[in-house]
């Protein structure tokens, strides 16, 4: 999966979890667009179920934009689909 597709999918996950109908910027912080620790927990579970990347809740505080999170997922799933 290419980075652009992964970024799009992560954005869709965010929009679903945040119940957002507004367009989210890929550089916006999860917590600045309405995210909280409960929603972050849901997102971690969703992303791990989908990509099996070993994402942990504390990673969301470091990788808190769509782009950063997509890069994390890509770097922790390389070769997993091969």
N, C-alpha and C. Protein backbone atom coordinates (compact mmCIF):
# COMPACT_ATOMS: atom_id res chain seq x y z
N UNK A 1 0.85 -1.18 0.00
CA UNK A 1 0.00 0.00 0.00
C UNK A 1 0.89 1.24 0.00
N UNK A 2 0.55 2.19 -0.84
CA UNK A 2 1.37 3.40 -0.89
C UNK A 2 0.98 4.37 0.22
N UNK A 3 1.85 5.33 0.45
CA UNK A 3 1.67 6.29 1.55
C UNK A 3 0.41 7.12 1.38
N UNK A 4 0.10 7.49 0.16
CA UNK A 4 -1.10 8.30 -0.10
C UNK A 4 -2.37 7.53 0.27
N UNK A 5 -2.44 6.26 -0.11
CA UNK A 5 -3.60 5.44 0.22
C UNK A 5 -3.71 5.22 1.72
N UNK A 6 -2.58 4.96 2.36
CA UNK A 6 -2.57 4.75 3.80
C UNK A 6 -3.03 6.01 4.54
N UNK A 7 -2.55 7.16 4.11
CA UNK A 7 -2.96 8.43 4.70
C UNK A 7 -4.47 8.62 4.56
N UNK A 8 -5.00 8.30 3.39
CA UNK A 8 -6.45 8.42 3.16
C UNK A 8 -7.22 7.49 4.10
N UNK A 9 -6.75 6.27 4.27
CA UNK A 9 -7.44 5.32 5.15
C UNK A 9 -7.39 5.75 6.61
N UNK A 10 -6.23 6.25 7.05
CA UNK A 10 -6.11 6.73 8.44
C UNK A 10 -7.06 7.91 8.65
N UNK A 11 -7.15 8.78 7.66
CA UNK A 11 -8.06 9.93 7.75
C UNK A 11 -9.50 9.45 7.88
N UNK A 12 -9.88 8.43 7.13
CA UNK A 12 -11.24 7.88 7.22
C UNK A 12 -11.50 7.30 8.61
N UNK A 13 -10.51 6.64 9.20
CA UNK A 13 -10.64 6.10 10.55
C UNK A 13 -10.87 7.24 11.54
N UNK A 14 -10.08 8.30 11.42
CA UNK A 14 -10.24 9.47 12.30
C UNK A 14 -11.64 10.03 12.18
N UNK A 15 -12.10 10.22 10.94
CA UNK A 15 -13.41 10.84 10.73
C UNK A 15 -14.52 9.98 11.34
N UNK A 16 -14.38 8.67 11.23
CA UNK A 16 -15.37 7.77 11.81
C UNK A 16 -15.36 7.86 13.34
N UNK A 17 -14.18 7.79 13.93
CA UNK A 17 -14.07 7.82 15.39
C UNK A 17 -14.49 9.17 15.96
N UNK A 18 -14.12 10.24 15.28
CA UNK A 18 -14.47 11.58 15.74
C UNK A 18 -15.90 11.98 15.34
N UNK A 19 -16.55 11.11 14.57
CA UNK A 19 -17.89 11.40 14.05
C UNK A 19 -17.91 12.77 13.38
N UNK A 20 -16.89 12.99 12.56
CA UNK A 20 -16.71 14.28 11.90
C UNK A 20 -17.24 14.24 10.48
N UNK A 21 -18.02 15.23 10.13
CA UNK A 21 -18.47 15.39 8.76
C UNK A 21 -17.65 16.45 8.05
N UNK A 22 -16.86 17.18 8.83
CA UNK A 22 -16.00 18.21 8.26
C UNK A 22 -14.69 17.58 7.80
N UNK A 23 -14.11 18.17 6.77
CA UNK A 23 -12.84 17.69 6.25
C UNK A 23 -11.74 17.94 7.29
N UNK A 24 -10.95 16.93 7.56
CA UNK A 24 -9.84 17.06 8.51
C UNK A 24 -8.54 17.27 7.74
N UNK A 25 -7.73 18.19 8.23
CA UNK A 25 -6.41 18.40 7.65
C UNK A 25 -5.46 17.30 8.10
N UNK A 26 -4.58 16.88 7.23
CA UNK A 26 -3.67 15.78 7.56
C UNK A 26 -2.58 16.19 8.53
N UNK A 27 -2.44 17.49 8.79
CA UNK A 27 -1.42 17.97 9.72
C UNK A 27 -2.03 18.45 11.04
N UNK A 28 -3.34 18.27 11.21
CA UNK A 28 -4.00 18.69 12.45
C UNK A 28 -3.81 17.63 13.54
N UNK A 29 -3.63 18.09 14.75
CA UNK A 29 -3.48 17.18 15.89
C UNK A 29 -4.82 16.52 16.21
N UNK A 30 -4.76 15.22 16.48
CA UNK A 30 -5.95 14.46 16.87
C UNK A 30 -6.68 15.13 18.02
N UNK A 31 -5.92 15.63 18.97
CA UNK A 31 -6.50 16.22 20.17
C UNK A 31 -7.06 17.62 19.93
N UNK A 32 -6.56 18.31 18.91
CA UNK A 32 -7.07 19.64 18.58
C UNK A 32 -8.35 19.59 17.76
N UNK A 33 -8.66 18.44 17.16
CA UNK A 33 -9.88 18.32 16.36
C UNK A 33 -10.97 17.54 17.10
N UNK A 34 -10.80 17.40 18.42
CA UNK A 34 -11.85 16.79 19.22
C UNK A 34 -11.52 15.44 19.82
N UNK A 35 -10.32 14.94 19.56
CA UNK A 35 -9.93 13.65 20.11
C UNK A 35 -9.64 13.73 21.60
N UNK A 36 -9.83 12.62 22.29
CA UNK A 36 -9.49 12.51 23.70
C UNK A 36 -8.95 11.10 23.96
N UNK A 37 -8.61 10.80 25.18
CA UNK A 37 -7.98 9.51 25.46
C UNK A 37 -8.91 8.33 25.18
N UNK A 38 -10.20 8.49 25.42
CA UNK A 38 -11.15 7.41 25.12
C UNK A 38 -11.22 7.15 23.62
N UNK A 39 -11.31 8.21 22.84
CA UNK A 39 -11.35 8.07 21.39
C UNK A 39 -10.03 7.55 20.85
N UNK A 40 -8.93 7.97 21.47
CA UNK A 40 -7.61 7.49 21.06
C UNK A 40 -7.50 5.99 21.27
N UNK A 41 -8.06 5.48 22.37
CA UNK A 41 -8.06 4.05 22.63
C UNK A 41 -8.82 3.31 21.54
N UNK A 42 -9.96 3.84 21.15
CA UNK A 42 -10.74 3.23 20.06
C UNK A 42 -9.94 3.24 18.76
N UNK A 43 -9.25 4.35 18.49
CA UNK A 43 -8.48 4.46 17.27
C UNK A 43 -7.33 3.45 17.25
N UNK A 44 -6.64 3.31 18.37
CA UNK A 44 -5.53 2.35 18.46
C UNK A 44 -6.03 0.94 18.16
N UNK A 45 -7.15 0.56 18.75
CA UNK A 45 -7.71 -0.77 18.50
C UNK A 45 -8.09 -0.94 17.03
N UNK A 46 -8.72 0.06 16.46
CA UNK A 46 -9.13 0.02 15.06
C UNK A 46 -7.93 -0.13 14.14
N UNK A 47 -6.91 0.68 14.36
CA UNK A 47 -5.72 0.64 13.50
C UNK A 47 -4.97 -0.69 13.67
N UNK A 48 -4.84 -1.17 14.89
CA UNK A 48 -4.16 -2.45 15.10
C UNK A 48 -4.94 -3.61 14.48
N UNK A 49 -6.26 -3.58 14.58
CA UNK A 49 -7.07 -4.63 13.95
C UNK A 49 -6.89 -4.62 12.44
N UNK A 50 -6.79 -3.43 11.89
CA UNK A 50 -6.71 -3.29 10.43
C UNK A 50 -5.30 -3.55 9.88
N UNK A 51 -4.29 -3.07 10.59
CA UNK A 51 -2.93 -3.11 10.05
C UNK A 51 -1.95 -3.98 10.85
N UNK A 52 -2.30 -4.36 12.07
CA UNK A 52 -1.42 -5.19 12.89
C UNK A 52 -0.05 -4.57 13.09
N UNK A 53 -0.02 -3.29 13.41
CA UNK A 53 1.25 -2.55 13.46
C UNK A 53 1.81 -2.36 14.86
N UNK A 54 1.13 -2.85 15.89
CA UNK A 54 1.64 -2.72 17.25
C UNK A 54 1.54 -1.32 17.83
N UNK A 55 0.60 -0.53 17.32
CA UNK A 55 0.39 0.82 17.83
C UNK A 55 -0.09 0.76 19.27
N UNK A 56 0.46 1.63 20.12
CA UNK A 56 0.05 1.70 21.52
C UNK A 56 -0.52 3.09 21.80
N UNK A 57 -1.31 3.18 22.85
CA UNK A 57 -1.97 4.45 23.17
C UNK A 57 -0.98 5.60 23.29
N UNK A 58 0.14 5.37 23.95
CA UNK A 58 1.11 6.46 24.12
C UNK A 58 1.70 6.92 22.80
N UNK A 59 1.66 6.08 21.75
CA UNK A 59 2.14 6.50 20.43
C UNK A 59 1.29 7.62 19.85
N UNK A 60 0.02 7.67 20.22
CA UNK A 60 -0.88 8.69 19.68
C UNK A 60 -0.44 10.09 20.13
N UNK A 61 0.18 10.17 21.28
CA UNK A 61 0.64 11.48 21.76
C UNK A 61 1.86 11.95 20.99
N UNK A 62 2.65 11.02 20.49
CA UNK A 62 3.83 11.38 19.70
C UNK A 62 3.49 11.53 18.22
N UNK A 63 2.66 10.63 17.71
CA UNK A 63 2.27 10.64 16.30
C UNK A 63 0.80 11.07 16.24
N UNK A 64 0.55 12.36 16.45
CA UNK A 64 -0.83 12.80 16.64
C UNK A 64 -1.46 13.49 15.44
N UNK A 65 -0.81 13.44 14.28
CA UNK A 65 -1.45 13.93 13.05
C UNK A 65 -1.66 12.73 12.13
N UNK A 66 -2.52 12.91 11.16
CA UNK A 66 -2.80 11.83 10.21
C UNK A 66 -1.53 11.42 9.49
N UNK A 67 -0.75 12.38 9.03
CA UNK A 67 0.48 12.09 8.30
C UNK A 67 1.47 11.33 9.19
N UNK A 68 1.67 11.80 10.41
CA UNK A 68 2.61 11.13 11.32
C UNK A 68 2.16 9.71 11.63
N UNK A 69 0.87 9.54 11.83
CA UNK A 69 0.35 8.22 12.16
C UNK A 69 0.46 7.28 10.96
N UNK A 70 0.20 7.78 9.77
CA UNK A 70 0.36 6.96 8.56
C UNK A 70 1.81 6.53 8.39
N UNK A 71 2.75 7.42 8.69
CA UNK A 71 4.17 7.08 8.61
C UNK A 71 4.53 6.01 9.64
N UNK A 72 3.98 6.12 10.85
CA UNK A 72 4.21 5.11 11.88
C UNK A 72 3.69 3.75 11.41
N UNK A 73 2.46 3.72 10.93
CA UNK A 73 1.86 2.47 10.48
C UNK A 73 2.69 1.86 9.35
N UNK A 74 3.08 2.68 8.38
CA UNK A 74 3.88 2.18 7.25
C UNK A 74 5.20 1.60 7.73
N UNK A 75 5.85 2.26 8.67
CA UNK A 75 7.16 1.79 9.12
C UNK A 75 7.07 0.56 10.02
N UNK A 76 5.89 0.30 10.58
CA UNK A 76 5.72 -0.86 11.46
C UNK A 76 4.97 -2.01 10.80
N UNK A 77 4.67 -1.87 9.51
CA UNK A 77 4.00 -2.95 8.80
C UNK A 77 4.74 -3.35 7.54
N UNK A 78 5.90 -2.76 7.28
CA UNK A 78 6.66 -3.09 6.08
C UNK A 78 6.95 -4.58 6.06
N UNK A 79 6.64 -5.18 4.93
CA UNK A 79 6.89 -6.61 4.78
C UNK A 79 5.78 -7.48 5.33
N UNK A 80 4.88 -6.91 6.09
CA UNK A 80 3.81 -7.72 6.69
C UNK A 80 2.86 -8.26 5.62
N UNK A 81 2.67 -7.50 4.55
CA UNK A 81 1.75 -7.94 3.51
C UNK A 81 2.45 -8.75 2.42
N UNK A 82 3.75 -8.87 2.52
CA UNK A 82 4.51 -9.59 1.48
C UNK A 82 4.52 -11.06 1.74
